[in-house]
Amino acid sequence: MTALVSPGAAGHGRRPVDDGVAPTVPELGSIFARRVLPYVVVWFVVLAGAGWSLGHPLKSALAPEDGVSRWFAAHRSPGWNTVTDVLSHVANTGSIIVSTAAACLVYWLVTRRLRDVLPLAIGVFTQAGVFLLTTLVIDRPRPQVPKLDQSPPTSSFPSGHTGASAALYFGLVLLCVRRFPSLRARVLSAVGFGLIPFAVGTARLYRGMHHPSDVLFGLLNGLVCAVVAYLALRPAPSSVTKAAS
């Protein structure tokens, strides 16, 4: 009698299926409905509740944070105006769509693992949905300082630029840490990608578009959506196949 066990499965009754193949459309719909949507709905409730609290019972307590916006406005310079303008454009809607598509395409061309890049797209998509829904129910005014960008009609809470960049680049951090065999490559990618959302958030503060708490919850929005999408597409456990001969 010979047991045929997949590599790495010995001693375990179950092993993860990690062949990189994307789920079918019905399977992906099921994964989204069961493993993404419930958590995203809960997060939306939390985020909207936080936005309401910041604009009402905590409004007076958070008044000092406007000093950050005033400090940035008082220390602007032509050079930093240009740098922050570039960082803002890195995270606008068009740039995020192009960057997400490019990252997914490049990774797939190199690895041929379509399943790996799905969390990037799902994370960015769900972040955008949560952001838009939150701005529909929360109407927080932007800081009372001169603004370097045209104010969009959406609420100041949360920062959409920061959230979008966090969903994409924190998602890339998760992907690289999981797939790069070299510790050095993991650290460099984590630092390189991971700093981008913080740079974008700082740029939005500098340009007078958001309060610090807007940026903080924008970061959290992107991070939560990226992690939820990443965990949802983890290889599912599967029984080890055995054959007798």
Protein backbone atom coordinates (compact mmCIF):
# COMPACT_ATOMS: atom_id res chain seq x y z
CA MET A 1 0.00 0.00 0.00
CA THR A 2 1.51 3.32 -1.04
CA ALA A 3 0.13 6.70 -0.03
CA LEU A 4 0.61 9.48 -2.54
CA VAL A 5 0.83 12.70 -0.57
CA SER A 6 1.54 16.11 -2.00
CA PRO A 7 4.82 17.77 -0.91
CA GLY A 8 4.61 19.46 2.44
CA ALA A 9 1.42 17.62 3.34
CA ALA A 10 2.97 14.83 5.37
CA GLY A 11 1.83 14.89 8.94
CA HIS A 12 -1.16 17.03 8.13
CA GLY A 13 -4.67 15.96 7.27
CA ARG A 14 -5.19 18.98 5.08
CA ARG A 15 -3.01 21.27 2.98
CA PRO A 16 -3.60 24.62 1.29
CA VAL A 17 -4.19 24.62 -2.42
CA ASP A 18 -1.81 27.27 -3.74
CA ASP A 19 -1.49 26.75 -7.48
CA GLY A 20 -2.10 30.42 -8.31
CA VAL A 21 -5.14 29.65 -10.46
CA ALA A 22 -7.91 32.21 -10.18
CA PRO A 23 -11.33 31.05 -9.02
CA THR A 24 -14.10 30.89 -11.59
CA VAL A 25 -16.49 33.83 -11.81
CA PRO A 26 -19.18 32.05 -9.74
CA GLU A 27 -16.54 31.04 -7.17
CA LEU A 28 -15.21 34.58 -7.03
CA GLY A 29 -18.73 35.90 -6.52
CA SER A 30 -19.22 33.45 -3.67
CA ILE A 31 -15.89 34.42 -2.10
CA PHE A 32 -16.81 38.10 -2.30
CA ALA A 33 -20.26 37.52 -0.83
CA ARG A 34 -19.06 35.33 2.04
CA ARG A 35 -15.54 36.51 2.84
CA VAL A 36 -15.42 40.16 1.77
CA LEU A 37 -18.82 41.84 1.83
CA PRO A 38 -19.83 41.06 5.46
CA TYR A 39 -16.57 42.45 6.84
CA VAL A 40 -16.66 45.47 4.55
CA VAL A 41 -20.23 46.27 5.67
CA VAL A 42 -19.16 46.11 9.31
CA TRP A 43 -16.19 48.33 8.55
CA PHE A 44 -18.43 50.83 6.76
CA VAL A 45 -20.64 51.09 9.85
CA VAL A 46 -17.57 51.65 12.04
CA LEU A 47 -16.12 54.23 9.65
CA ALA A 48 -19.38 56.12 9.28
CA GLY A 49 -19.81 56.07 13.05
CA ALA A 50 -16.33 57.47 13.50
CA GLY A 51 -17.04 60.21 10.98
CA TRP A 52 -20.25 61.19 12.71
CA SER A 53 -18.48 61.26 16.08
CA LEU A 54 -15.69 63.47 14.75
CA GLY A 55 -18.21 65.95 13.37
CA HIS A 56 -20.53 66.06 16.37
CA PRO A 57 -19.72 64.89 19.94
CA LEU A 58 -15.95 65.03 19.40
CA LYS A 59 -15.89 68.18 17.29
CA SER A 60 -14.79 70.48 20.08
CA ALA A 61 -12.26 68.03 21.45
CA LEU A 62 -10.62 67.71 18.04
CA ALA A 63 -10.52 71.44 17.31
CA PRO A 64 -6.75 71.57 18.05
CA GLU A 65 -6.04 69.34 15.04
CA ASP A 66 -6.84 72.30 12.80
CA GLY A 67 -3.55 73.70 14.05
CA VAL A 68 -1.79 71.08 11.93
CA SER A 69 -3.50 72.39 8.81
CA ARG A 70 -2.60 75.96 9.72
CA TRP A 71 1.02 74.98 10.35
CA PHE A 72 1.33 73.36 6.94
CA ALA A 73 -0.34 76.35 5.27
CA ALA A 74 2.12 78.72 6.97
CA HIS A 75 5.16 76.70 5.86
CA ARG A 76 4.40 76.21 2.18
CA SER A 77 7.06 76.74 -0.45
CA PRO A 78 7.15 76.44 -4.26
CA GLY A 79 9.24 73.28 -4.06
CA TRP A 80 6.95 71.49 -1.62
CA ASN A 81 3.92 72.74 -3.53
CA THR A 82 5.24 70.84 -6.56
CA VAL A 83 6.15 67.70 -4.61
CA THR A 84 2.78 67.47 -2.90
CA ASP A 85 1.00 68.11 -6.18
CA VAL A 86 2.77 65.10 -7.69
CA LEU A 87 1.92 62.96 -4.66
CA SER A 88 -1.72 63.98 -4.87
CA HIS A 89 -1.85 63.05 -8.54
CA VAL A 90 -0.29 59.66 -7.74
CA ALA A 91 -3.42 58.85 -5.76
CA ASN A 92 -6.19 60.41 -7.80
CA THR A 93 -8.81 58.13 -9.30
CA GLY A 94 -7.28 57.83 -12.76
CA SER A 95 -3.78 57.18 -11.47
CA ILE A 96 -4.95 54.54 -9.01
CA ILE A 97 -6.90 52.69 -11.72
CA VAL A 98 -3.91 52.72 -14.08
CA SER A 99 -1.43 51.79 -11.32
CA THR A 100 -3.61 48.92 -10.09
CA ALA A 101 -4.05 47.54 -13.59
CA ALA A 102 -0.33 47.89 -14.32
CA ALA A 103 0.70 46.20 -11.07
CA CYS A 104 -1.68 43.30 -11.68
CA LEU A 105 -0.50 42.89 -15.28
CA VAL A 106 3.21 42.99 -14.48
CA TYR A 107 2.89 40.55 -11.60
CA TRP A 108 0.80 38.16 -13.70
CA LEU A 109 3.25 38.31 -16.63
CA VAL A 110 6.13 37.46 -14.30
CA THR A 111 4.47 34.77 -12.17
CA ARG A 112 1.36 33.67 -14.10
CA ARG A 113 -0.45 33.59 -10.74
CA LEU A 114 -3.73 35.35 -11.38
CA ARG A 115 -5.12 34.48 -7.96
CA ASP A 116 -2.42 36.57 -6.29
CA VAL A 117 -3.36 39.83 -7.99
CA LEU A 118 -7.10 39.58 -7.40
CA PRO A 119 -6.81 40.95 -3.83
CA LEU A 120 -5.21 44.12 -5.20
CA ALA A 121 -8.16 44.83 -7.47
CA ILE A 122 -10.74 43.80 -4.87
CA GLY A 123 -9.09 45.87 -2.14
CA VAL A 124 -9.01 49.01 -4.26
CA PHE A 125 -12.58 48.44 -5.44
CA THR A 126 -14.01 47.88 -1.96
CA GLN A 127 -12.10 50.85 -0.55
CA ALA A 128 -13.66 53.08 -3.19
CA GLY A 129 -17.12 51.75 -2.40
CA VAL A 130 -16.74 52.30 1.35
CA PHE A 131 -15.33 55.78 0.75
CA LEU A 132 -18.18 56.84 -1.50
CA LEU A 133 -20.87 55.47 0.81
CA THR A 134 -19.28 57.17 3.80
CA THR A 135 -19.16 60.55 2.08
CA LEU A 136 -22.87 60.19 1.32
CA VAL A 137 -23.77 59.98 5.00
CA ILE A 138 -20.99 62.13 6.48
CA ASP A 139 -20.63 65.80 5.58
CA ARG A 140 -17.54 67.04 7.36
CA PRO A 141 -16.23 70.45 6.22
CA ARG A 142 -12.66 70.75 5.01
CA PRO A 143 -10.06 72.70 7.02
CA GLN A 144 -10.45 76.47 7.07
CA VAL A 145 -7.13 77.21 5.35
CA PRO A 146 -6.20 78.25 1.80
CA LYS A 147 -6.40 75.15 -0.38
CA LEU A 148 -3.99 74.26 -3.17
CA ASP A 149 -6.49 71.98 -4.92
CA GLN A 150 -10.04 72.50 -6.05
CA SER A 151 -12.31 71.09 -3.35
CA PRO A 152 -14.35 68.13 -4.64
CA PRO A 153 -18.01 67.91 -3.62
CA THR A 154 -17.32 64.97 -1.30
CA SER A 155 -16.91 65.26 2.46
CA SER A 156 -13.51 65.84 4.01
CA PHE A 157 -13.95 62.53 5.88
CA PRO A 158 -12.24 60.23 5.08
CA SER A 159 -9.37 61.12 2.76
CA GLY A 160 -10.11 59.38 -0.53
CA HIS A 161 -6.62 59.90 -1.96
CA THR A 162 -5.04 58.42 1.15
CA GLY A 163 -7.47 55.50 1.26
CA ALA A 164 -6.98 54.62 -2.39
CA SER A 165 -3.20 54.68 -2.12
CA ALA A 166 -3.36 52.62 1.09
CA ALA A 167 -5.54 49.95 -0.50
CA LEU A 168 -3.17 49.59 -3.46
CA TYR A 169 0.24 49.95 -1.85
CA PHE A 170 -0.50 48.14 1.41
CA GLY A 171 -1.94 45.41 -0.81
CA LEU A 172 1.35 45.30 -2.71
CA VAL A 173 3.21 45.04 0.59
CA LEU A 174 1.14 41.98 1.54
CA LEU A 175 1.72 40.44 -1.88
CA CYS A 176 5.48 41.03 -1.88
CA VAL A 177 6.00 39.85 1.70
CA ARG A 178 4.16 36.67 0.87
CA ARG A 179 5.90 35.93 -2.43
CA PHE A 180 9.47 37.27 -2.27
CA PRO A 181 11.84 34.54 -1.01
CA SER A 182 14.52 37.03 0.03
CA LEU A 183 14.15 38.80 3.38
CA ARG A 184 15.93 41.82 1.95
CA ALA A 185 13.48 42.03 -0.94
CA ARG A 186 10.57 41.74 1.47
CA VAL A 187 11.87 44.56 3.67
CA LEU A 188 12.69 46.84 0.74
CA SER A 189 9.30 46.31 -0.90
CA ALA A 190 7.48 46.75 2.41
CA VAL A 191 9.28 50.03 3.10
CA GLY A 192 9.09 51.29 -0.48
CA PHE A 193 5.41 50.56 -1.05
CA GLY A 194 4.35 51.07 2.54
CA LEU A 195 5.62 54.65 2.76
CA ILE A 196 3.63 55.86 -0.26
CA PRO A 197 0.23 56.13 1.51
CA PHE A 198 1.83 58.09 4.37
CA ALA A 199 3.46 60.44 1.85
CA VAL A 200 0.12 60.91 0.08
CA GLY A 201 -1.65 61.58 3.37
CA THR A 202 0.95 64.16 4.37
CA ALA A 203 0.59 65.83 0.97
CA ARG A 204 -3.17 66.10 1.45
CA LEU A 205 -2.61 67.76 4.83
CA TYR A 206 -0.05 70.13 3.35
CA ARG A 207 -2.41 71.15 0.57
CA GLY A 208 -5.18 71.97 3.07
CA MET A 209 -7.59 69.32 1.83
CA HIS A 210 -8.08 67.26 4.99
CA HIS A 211 -7.89 67.20 8.74
CA PRO A 212 -5.35 64.79 10.29
CA SER A 213 -8.17 62.50 11.45
CA ASP A 214 -9.48 62.34 7.87
CA VAL A 215 -6.09 61.08 6.73
CA LEU A 216 -5.84 58.60 9.61
CA PHE A 217 -9.18 57.02 8.78
CA GLY A 218 -8.34 57.10 5.10
CA LEU A 219 -5.25 55.01 5.88
CA LEU A 220 -7.35 52.64 7.96
CA ASN A 221 -9.96 52.34 5.21
CA GLY A 222 -7.36 51.29 2.66
CA LEU A 223 -5.60 48.97 5.08
CA VAL A 224 -8.77 47.21 6.23
CA CYS A 225 -9.99 46.66 2.67
CA ALA A 226 -6.57 45.42 1.53
CA VAL A 227 -6.32 42.94 4.42
CA VAL A 228 -9.89 41.69 4.01
CA ALA A 229 -9.32 41.08 0.30
CA TYR A 230 -5.97 39.40 0.95
CA LEU A 231 -7.40 37.03 3.55
CA ALA A 232 -10.44 36.25 1.41
CA LEU A 233 -8.28 35.00 -1.47
CA ARG A 234 -5.96 32.90 0.66
CA PRO A 235 -5.60 29.35 -0.58
CA ALA A 236 -8.50 27.32 0.78
CA PRO A 237 -7.73 24.16 2.77
CA SER A 238 -8.27 20.96 0.85
CA SER A 239 -8.19 17.32 1.86
CA VAL A 240 -4.99 15.51 0.89
CA THR A 241 -5.61 13.03 -1.87
CA LYS A 242 -4.44 9.53 -1.21
CA ALA A 243 -4.36 6.64 -3.56
CA ALA A 244 -3.78 2.98 -2.80
CA SER A 245 -1.89 0.59 -4.96
